Protein backbone atom coordinates (compact mmCIF):
# COMPACT_ATOMS: atom_id res chain seq x y z
CA MET A 1 73.91 -65.12 -24.86
CA ILE A 2 72.94 -68.81 -25.90
CA ALA A 3 73.85 -71.06 -28.76
CA VAL A 4 70.79 -72.81 -30.34
CA VAL A 5 72.19 -76.05 -32.39
CA VAL A 6 69.68 -77.49 -34.51
CA VAL A 7 70.88 -80.27 -37.34
CA ASN A 8 69.47 -81.16 -40.23
CA TYR A 9 69.92 -84.36 -42.38
CA ARG A 10 67.85 -84.21 -45.44
CA ARG A 11 64.04 -83.05 -43.65
CA ALA A 12 64.13 -79.43 -45.05
CA PRO A 13 60.20 -78.60 -44.38
CA ASP A 14 60.73 -80.07 -40.90
CA THR A 15 64.12 -77.63 -40.12
CA LEU A 16 62.66 -74.67 -41.86
CA GLU A 17 59.41 -75.11 -39.51
CA CYS A 18 61.73 -75.59 -36.50
CA LEU A 19 63.92 -72.71 -37.32
CA ARG A 20 60.51 -70.37 -38.04
CA ALA A 21 59.90 -71.16 -34.34
CA LEU A 22 62.73 -69.97 -32.91
CA GLU A 23 62.28 -66.34 -33.81
CA SER A 24 60.14 -66.73 -30.80
CA ALA A 25 62.36 -67.92 -28.63
CA GLY A 26 62.10 -65.30 -25.97
CA LEU A 27 65.95 -64.47 -25.10
CA PRO A 28 68.11 -63.46 -27.58
CA CYS A 29 69.88 -66.86 -29.47
CA GLN A 30 72.37 -67.55 -32.15
CA VAL A 31 71.24 -70.15 -33.76
CA VAL A 32 73.95 -72.66 -35.66
CA LEU A 33 72.75 -74.93 -38.72
CA VAL A 34 74.75 -77.89 -38.98
CA ASP A 35 73.66 -79.37 -42.21
CA ASN A 36 74.39 -83.09 -42.82
CA GLY A 37 74.97 -84.52 -45.93
CA ALA A 38 75.25 -81.51 -47.56
CA ALA A 39 78.23 -81.51 -49.77
CA ALA A 40 79.63 -78.08 -51.29
CA GLY A 41 77.11 -76.46 -53.13
CA GLU A 42 73.84 -79.15 -52.71
CA THR A 43 72.17 -76.93 -50.13
CA ASP A 44 68.93 -77.56 -50.13
CA PRO A 45 67.18 -74.31 -52.18
CA ALA A 46 64.33 -74.20 -49.17
CA ILE A 47 67.03 -74.08 -46.46
CA ALA A 48 69.57 -71.93 -48.92
CA SER A 49 66.60 -69.28 -49.51
CA TYR A 50 65.97 -69.30 -45.80
CA LEU A 51 69.90 -68.39 -45.04
CA GLU A 52 69.52 -65.54 -47.29
CA ALA A 53 66.92 -63.55 -45.50
CA HIS A 54 68.75 -64.58 -42.39
CA ALA A 55 72.35 -64.15 -42.68
CA GLU A 56 72.89 -63.78 -38.22
CA ILE A 57 72.19 -67.54 -38.84
CA VAL A 58 75.66 -69.95 -38.65
CA TYR A 59 75.58 -72.18 -41.34
CA ARG A 60 78.33 -75.16 -40.94
CA PRO A 61 77.44 -78.10 -43.83
CA ILE A 62 78.86 -80.85 -43.36
CA ALA A 63 79.21 -83.53 -46.67
CA GLU A 64 78.71 -87.05 -45.70
CA ASN A 65 75.99 -87.41 -43.09
CA ALA A 66 78.10 -87.51 -39.86
CA GLY A 67 75.15 -88.37 -37.45
CA PHE A 68 73.74 -86.08 -34.46
CA ALA A 69 76.86 -86.28 -32.37
CA ALA A 70 79.68 -85.22 -34.64
CA ALA A 71 77.40 -82.76 -36.24
CA CYS A 72 76.43 -81.45 -32.69
CA ASN A 73 80.33 -81.54 -31.38
CA LEU A 74 80.99 -79.42 -34.76
CA ALA A 75 78.78 -76.54 -33.38
CA ILE A 76 79.34 -76.88 -29.44
CA ASP A 77 83.32 -76.64 -30.91
CA TRP A 78 82.59 -73.27 -32.49
CA VAL A 79 80.39 -72.02 -29.62
CA LEU A 80 83.37 -72.94 -27.07
CA GLU A 81 86.46 -71.29 -29.67
CA GLN A 82 84.40 -68.02 -28.82
CA GLU A 83 85.73 -65.55 -26.55
CA GLY A 84 82.92 -65.11 -23.76
CA PRO A 85 79.69 -63.97 -25.33
CA PHE A 86 77.50 -67.88 -24.98
CA GLU A 87 77.04 -68.89 -21.07
CA ALA A 88 75.04 -72.15 -22.66
CA VAL A 89 73.99 -73.99 -25.66
CA ALA A 90 70.84 -75.41 -26.20
CA LEU A 91 70.22 -78.60 -28.29
CA LEU A 92 66.82 -78.24 -30.03
CA ASN A 93 65.68 -81.48 -32.81
CA ASN A 94 64.88 -80.35 -36.61
CA ASP A 95 61.73 -81.68 -35.71
CA ALA A 96 60.62 -80.51 -32.86
CA VAL A 97 58.54 -77.03 -32.55
CA ALA A 98 59.35 -74.57 -29.52
CA GLU A 99 56.41 -73.07 -28.55
CA ALA A 100 56.97 -68.92 -27.73
CA GLY A 101 59.48 -68.28 -24.32
CA TRP A 102 60.86 -71.96 -24.00
CA LEU A 103 64.44 -70.98 -23.96
CA ALA A 104 63.96 -68.04 -21.40
CA ALA A 105 62.22 -70.26 -19.30
CA MET A 106 65.39 -73.44 -19.65
CA ALA A 107 68.01 -70.62 -18.81
CA ALA A 108 65.92 -69.15 -15.84
CA ARG A 109 66.15 -72.97 -14.38
CA LEU A 110 70.24 -72.45 -14.74
CA ASP A 111 71.51 -72.58 -11.40
CA PRO A 112 75.78 -72.14 -11.36
CA ALA A 113 75.75 -71.71 -7.40
CA ALA A 114 74.26 -75.15 -7.13
CA ARG A 115 75.45 -76.24 -10.12
CA VAL A 116 72.22 -76.66 -11.96
CA GLU A 117 73.65 -76.51 -15.35
CA MET A 118 71.73 -79.11 -17.51
CA ILE A 119 67.94 -78.49 -18.16
CA ALA A 120 64.93 -80.70 -19.59
CA ALA A 121 62.17 -78.96 -21.19
CA LYS A 122 58.22 -80.62 -21.30
CA MET A 123 58.17 -82.65 -24.69
CA LEU A 124 55.08 -83.22 -25.78
CA CYS A 125 53.53 -85.09 -29.13
CA ALA A 126 53.45 -82.85 -32.04
CA ASP A 127 49.82 -84.00 -32.35
CA GLY A 128 48.69 -81.05 -30.15
CA SER A 129 47.17 -83.73 -27.41
CA THR A 130 48.67 -83.38 -23.64
CA GLN A 131 50.28 -86.95 -24.18
CA VAL A 132 54.59 -86.70 -23.04
CA ASP A 133 56.77 -87.37 -25.48
CA SER A 134 59.80 -86.62 -22.77
CA LEU A 135 60.38 -84.69 -19.74
CA GLY A 136 64.24 -85.49 -19.52
CA ILE A 137 65.77 -88.81 -19.00
CA ALA A 138 64.84 -91.41 -16.67
CA LEU A 139 67.68 -94.27 -15.24
CA TYR A 140 66.82 -97.46 -14.64
CA ARG A 141 67.80 -100.34 -12.28
CA SER A 142 68.34 -102.26 -15.54
CA GLY A 143 71.03 -99.45 -16.73
CA PHE A 144 68.87 -98.80 -19.03
CA ALA A 145 67.28 -95.03 -19.63
CA ALA A 146 64.49 -94.15 -21.56
CA ASN A 147 62.21 -90.79 -22.01
CA ARG A 148 60.98 -89.91 -18.04
CA LYS A 149 57.03 -89.46 -18.20
CA ARG A 150 56.57 -88.12 -15.57
CA SER A 151 57.49 -85.33 -13.16
CA ASP A 152 57.78 -86.55 -10.08
CA HIS A 153 60.00 -89.24 -11.53
CA PRO A 154 63.76 -88.75 -10.95
CA LEU A 155 65.73 -86.83 -13.70
CA LEU A 156 68.95 -87.66 -15.16
CA GLY A 157 69.10 -84.63 -17.12
CA PRO A 158 68.06 -83.26 -20.22
CA CYS A 159 66.40 -85.27 -23.43
CA GLY A 160 69.02 -83.79 -26.39
CA GLY A 161 65.57 -83.16 -28.25
CA ALA A 162 65.64 -80.49 -26.48
CA ALA A 163 68.33 -79.24 -24.08
CA LEU A 164 70.29 -76.57 -22.16
CA TYR A 165 73.72 -77.25 -20.91
CA SER A 166 76.02 -74.12 -19.60
CA VAL A 167 78.84 -73.86 -21.63
CA ARG A 168 80.66 -74.70 -18.01
CA LEU A 169 79.73 -77.92 -18.19
CA LEU A 170 80.45 -78.39 -22.01
CA ARG A 171 83.85 -77.37 -21.25
CA GLU A 172 84.46 -79.26 -18.32
CA VAL A 173 83.21 -82.78 -19.93
CA ARG A 174 85.57 -82.36 -22.96
CA ASP A 175 88.17 -81.67 -20.71
CA VAL A 176 87.90 -84.63 -18.68
CA THR A 177 86.80 -87.15 -21.09
CA GLY A 178 88.12 -85.67 -24.88
CA HIS A 179 84.82 -84.95 -26.34
CA VAL A 180 81.20 -83.71 -25.72
CA PHE A 181 79.25 -86.36 -27.52
CA ASP A 182 81.15 -89.81 -28.62
CA PRO A 183 81.20 -89.08 -32.32
CA ASP A 184 81.04 -92.92 -32.50
CA PHE A 185 77.43 -93.24 -30.86
CA PHE A 186 76.32 -91.34 -34.31
CA CYS A 187 72.84 -91.23 -32.48
CA TYR A 188 70.61 -92.10 -29.58
CA ALA A 189 71.71 -92.23 -26.13
CA GLU A 190 74.85 -89.64 -26.66
CA ASP A 191 72.23 -87.37 -24.12
CA THR A 192 72.42 -90.25 -21.77
CA ASP A 193 76.19 -90.61 -22.35
CA LEU A 194 76.55 -86.90 -21.33
CA ALA A 195 74.07 -86.79 -18.59
CA ILE A 196 75.91 -88.98 -16.98
CA ARG A 197 79.47 -88.14 -17.19
CA ALA A 198 78.24 -84.58 -16.57
CA ARG A 199 76.51 -86.27 -12.88
CA LEU A 200 79.87 -87.67 -11.77
CA LEU A 201 81.35 -84.33 -12.67
CA GLY A 202 79.32 -83.17 -9.79
CA PHE A 203 76.80 -80.89 -12.08
CA ARG A 204 72.98 -81.42 -11.97
CA ALA A 205 69.84 -81.59 -13.78
CA GLY A 206 66.82 -79.33 -13.62
CA TYR A 207 63.49 -79.58 -15.25
CA ALA A 208 61.44 -76.69 -16.72
CA GLU A 209 57.49 -77.18 -16.51
CA ASP A 210 56.86 -73.78 -18.84
CA ALA A 211 59.43 -74.78 -21.57
CA LEU A 212 56.99 -76.31 -24.35
CA VAL A 213 58.65 -77.98 -27.12
CA ARG A 214 56.43 -79.99 -29.82
CA HIS A 215 58.27 -82.93 -31.52
CA HIS A 216 57.18 -85.53 -34.04
CA GLY A 217 60.15 -87.95 -33.18
CA SER A 218 62.56 -90.50 -35.13
CA LEU A 219 61.31 -88.87 -38.62
CA THR A 220 64.77 -88.33 -40.18
CA SER A 221 65.59 -92.42 -38.91
CA GLY A 222 62.61 -94.02 -40.04
CA GLY A 223 60.77 -94.46 -36.74
CA GLY A 224 61.02 -95.86 -33.56
CA ASP A 225 60.45 -99.17 -34.52
CA SER A 226 62.95 -99.23 -37.76
CA ASP A 227 65.88 -101.60 -37.38
CA PHE A 228 68.30 -98.34 -37.59
CA VAL A 229 66.77 -96.92 -34.13
CA MET A 230 67.01 -100.30 -32.42
CA TYR A 231 70.26 -101.05 -33.43
CA HIS A 232 72.02 -97.20 -32.22
CA GLY A 233 69.53 -97.12 -29.50
CA LEU A 234 70.37 -100.98 -27.97
CA ARG A 235 74.32 -100.66 -29.06
CA ASN A 236 75.40 -97.07 -27.54
CA SER A 237 73.06 -98.05 -24.10
CA LEU A 238 75.34 -101.03 -24.08
CA CYS A 239 78.42 -98.71 -24.43
CA VAL A 240 76.78 -96.32 -21.71
CA MET A 241 76.82 -98.68 -19.34
CA GLN A 242 80.45 -99.73 -19.93
CA ARG A 243 82.05 -96.89 -20.16
CA ASP A 244 79.88 -94.57 -17.29
CA LEU A 245 78.02 -96.65 -14.23
CA PRO A 246 80.12 -97.02 -10.79
CA TRP A 247 80.83 -100.78 -9.94
CA GLY A 248 78.57 -99.94 -6.96
CA PHE A 249 75.57 -99.83 -9.55
CA VAL A 250 75.99 -102.59 -11.18
CA LEU A 251 77.02 -104.56 -7.54
CA ARG A 252 73.32 -103.27 -6.52
CA PHE A 253 71.54 -104.42 -9.68
CA TRP A 254 73.12 -106.85 -11.44
CA PRO A 255 70.23 -109.37 -11.37
CA TRP A 256 67.74 -106.75 -12.79
CA MET A 257 70.63 -106.00 -14.99
CA LEU A 258 70.24 -109.74 -15.81
CA ALA A 259 66.82 -109.54 -16.16
CA ALA A 260 66.83 -107.01 -18.59
CA ARG A 261 69.35 -109.00 -21.04
CA PHE A 262 67.27 -112.30 -20.86
CA GLY A 263 64.05 -109.66 -21.54
CA LEU A 264 65.60 -108.33 -24.71
CA LEU A 265 66.81 -111.48 -26.15
CA ALA A 266 63.00 -113.03 -25.75
CA LYS A 267 61.57 -109.52 -27.57
CA TYR A 268 63.88 -109.75 -30.39
CA ALA A 269 63.42 -113.31 -30.90
CA ARG A 270 59.72 -112.89 -31.01
CA ARG A 271 60.19 -110.53 -33.49
CA ARG A 272 62.72 -112.65 -35.63
CA ARG A 273 65.58 -109.54 -35.21
CA LEU A 274 67.83 -112.28 -33.45
CA GLY A 275 70.35 -111.55 -36.20
CA LEU A 276 70.09 -107.49 -35.56
CA LEU A 277 70.57 -108.61 -31.68
CA TRP A 278 74.02 -110.45 -32.57
CA SER A 279 74.99 -107.34 -34.72
CA VAL A 280 74.71 -105.40 -31.61
CA TYR A 281 77.05 -107.00 -29.60
CA ARG A 282 79.27 -107.99 -32.13
CA ASP A 283 79.75 -104.30 -32.71
CA TYR A 284 79.21 -103.39 -28.88
CA ARG A 285 82.26 -105.74 -28.14
CA SER A 286 84.12 -104.05 -31.25
CA ARG A 287 84.07 -100.33 -29.48
CA ARG A 288 85.32 -101.94 -25.73
CA GLU A 289 88.83 -99.92 -25.85
CA ARG A 290 86.68 -96.82 -26.58
CA ASN A 291 84.92 -97.10 -24.17
CA ARG A 292 87.40 -98.31 -21.57
CA ALA A 293 89.52 -95.18 -22.71
CA CYS A 294 86.34 -93.13 -21.50
CA ARG A 295 86.25 -95.52 -18.13
CA ARG A 296 89.84 -94.54 -17.92
CA ALA A 297 89.50 -91.33 -17.66
CA LEU A 298 86.45 -90.64 -15.02
CA GLU A 299 88.22 -93.44 -12.76
CA LYS A 300 91.36 -91.26 -13.26
CA ARG A 301 89.41 -88.34 -11.99
CA GLY A 302 88.10 -89.94 -9.09
CA VAL A 303 84.32 -89.42 -9.94
CA LEU A 304 83.11 -92.73 -10.78
CA GLN A 305 81.55 -93.13 -7.24
CA TRP A 306 77.50 -94.86 -6.88
CA SER A 307 77.37 -91.69 -4.64
CA ARG A 308 76.85 -89.26 -7.54
CA LEU A 309 74.33 -91.39 -9.46
CA ALA A 310 72.44 -92.93 -6.55
CA PRO A 311 69.96 -90.10 -5.91
CA VAL A 312 68.56 -90.48 -9.40
CA VAL A 313 68.46 -94.06 -10.32
CA SER A 314 64.91 -95.04 -10.81
CA PRO A 315 63.56 -97.43 -8.47
CA HIS A 316 62.09 -99.52 -11.51
CA LEU A 317 63.48 -102.26 -13.78
CA TYR A 318 62.49 -100.00 -16.57
CA GLU A 319 59.91 -97.42 -17.76
CA PRO A 320 56.63 -98.06 -15.97
CA GLY A 321 53.79 -100.42 -17.55
CA TYR A 322 56.91 -101.49 -20.26
CA VAL A 323 57.36 -104.91 -18.86
CA ARG A 324 54.13 -105.74 -18.67
CA GLU A 325 53.51 -104.49 -22.21
CA GLN A 326 56.28 -106.82 -23.52
CA LEU A 327 54.30 -110.10 -21.28
CA ARG A 328 51.36 -109.17 -22.77
CA ALA A 329 52.94 -109.04 -26.42
CA LEU A 330 54.76 -112.40 -25.33
CA VAL A 331 51.26 -114.43 -25.53
CA ARG A 332 49.48 -111.81 -27.64
CA PRO A 333 51.46 -112.06 -31.01
CA GLY A 334 51.25 -109.04 -33.25
CA ARG A 335 51.02 -106.39 -30.19
CA THR A 336 52.53 -103.21 -30.51
CA ASP A 337 55.72 -102.97 -28.02
CA GLY A 338 55.68 -99.93 -25.81
CA ALA A 339 57.99 -97.23 -26.41
CA GLY A 340 61.88 -96.94 -25.27
CA THR A 341 65.04 -97.72 -26.95
CA ALA A 342 65.80 -101.46 -25.49
């Protein structure tokens, strides 16, 4: 049995579209709906009506908006407390629509004997085109990660928008570092953090080409260019570097990492968002002790080794084409920036 976790935050129409599509998952599954910001008695009427007709769904409301990471943890903790029925947990964004058989396709890629226990789906844009949204996560020499756009590029792990993790992986990661997702991340880069920790613990990732999911993208957070997305994406990415990257990574790629920092300064200055960049670094520094605690847990386990990440580091500074797009934007103000959390 597989548990499928969906997190809602005031997007009932999108969440209901997501839930209805799950009815053709291709495998028996237990849906767990976590409803952020739903105080007692304040469930959206449309969602409440759907739940009445689908009593099998496990519903977990949270009075405040606890964020994506904490909401997923709530559902995952519930799964891990059950006695034996679940072998894996899938995450599916509420603004994503999974096509028939997607879950069966992902489950088929699990290979516990080979430690392949986190699976990425094929996420395309929701406009019906073949434009790739994400084929998992790629880790670059700059230390930043972003959506993998090509299936022949190294795969770090699955994007949390459509991911499958074995229960064994989730349990071991939680036992070693104290959490599956760090609730302090709130949202963004929590899937990168989990993927690196899982890699360091010896788990591997797989990609399910025929697990097709259509993704609208950043509907709840206001779009990829909003201050909210840029703040959390960059702050959390810096935390990931401090807590998860072995010293061997830093010693090899520090010039690329430094170049990326100067690039960020130029980008935020051009867009007149230096105040936002200051807030990112201020709040990142305030989380140093928490990051160090996670790092110490990995060091104590003896897994913070360059050799465990070396096979999945992309040879690029960042997403192919991204640097060129940023350079063009510097000389042509008003051009739209390329994709990516940095």
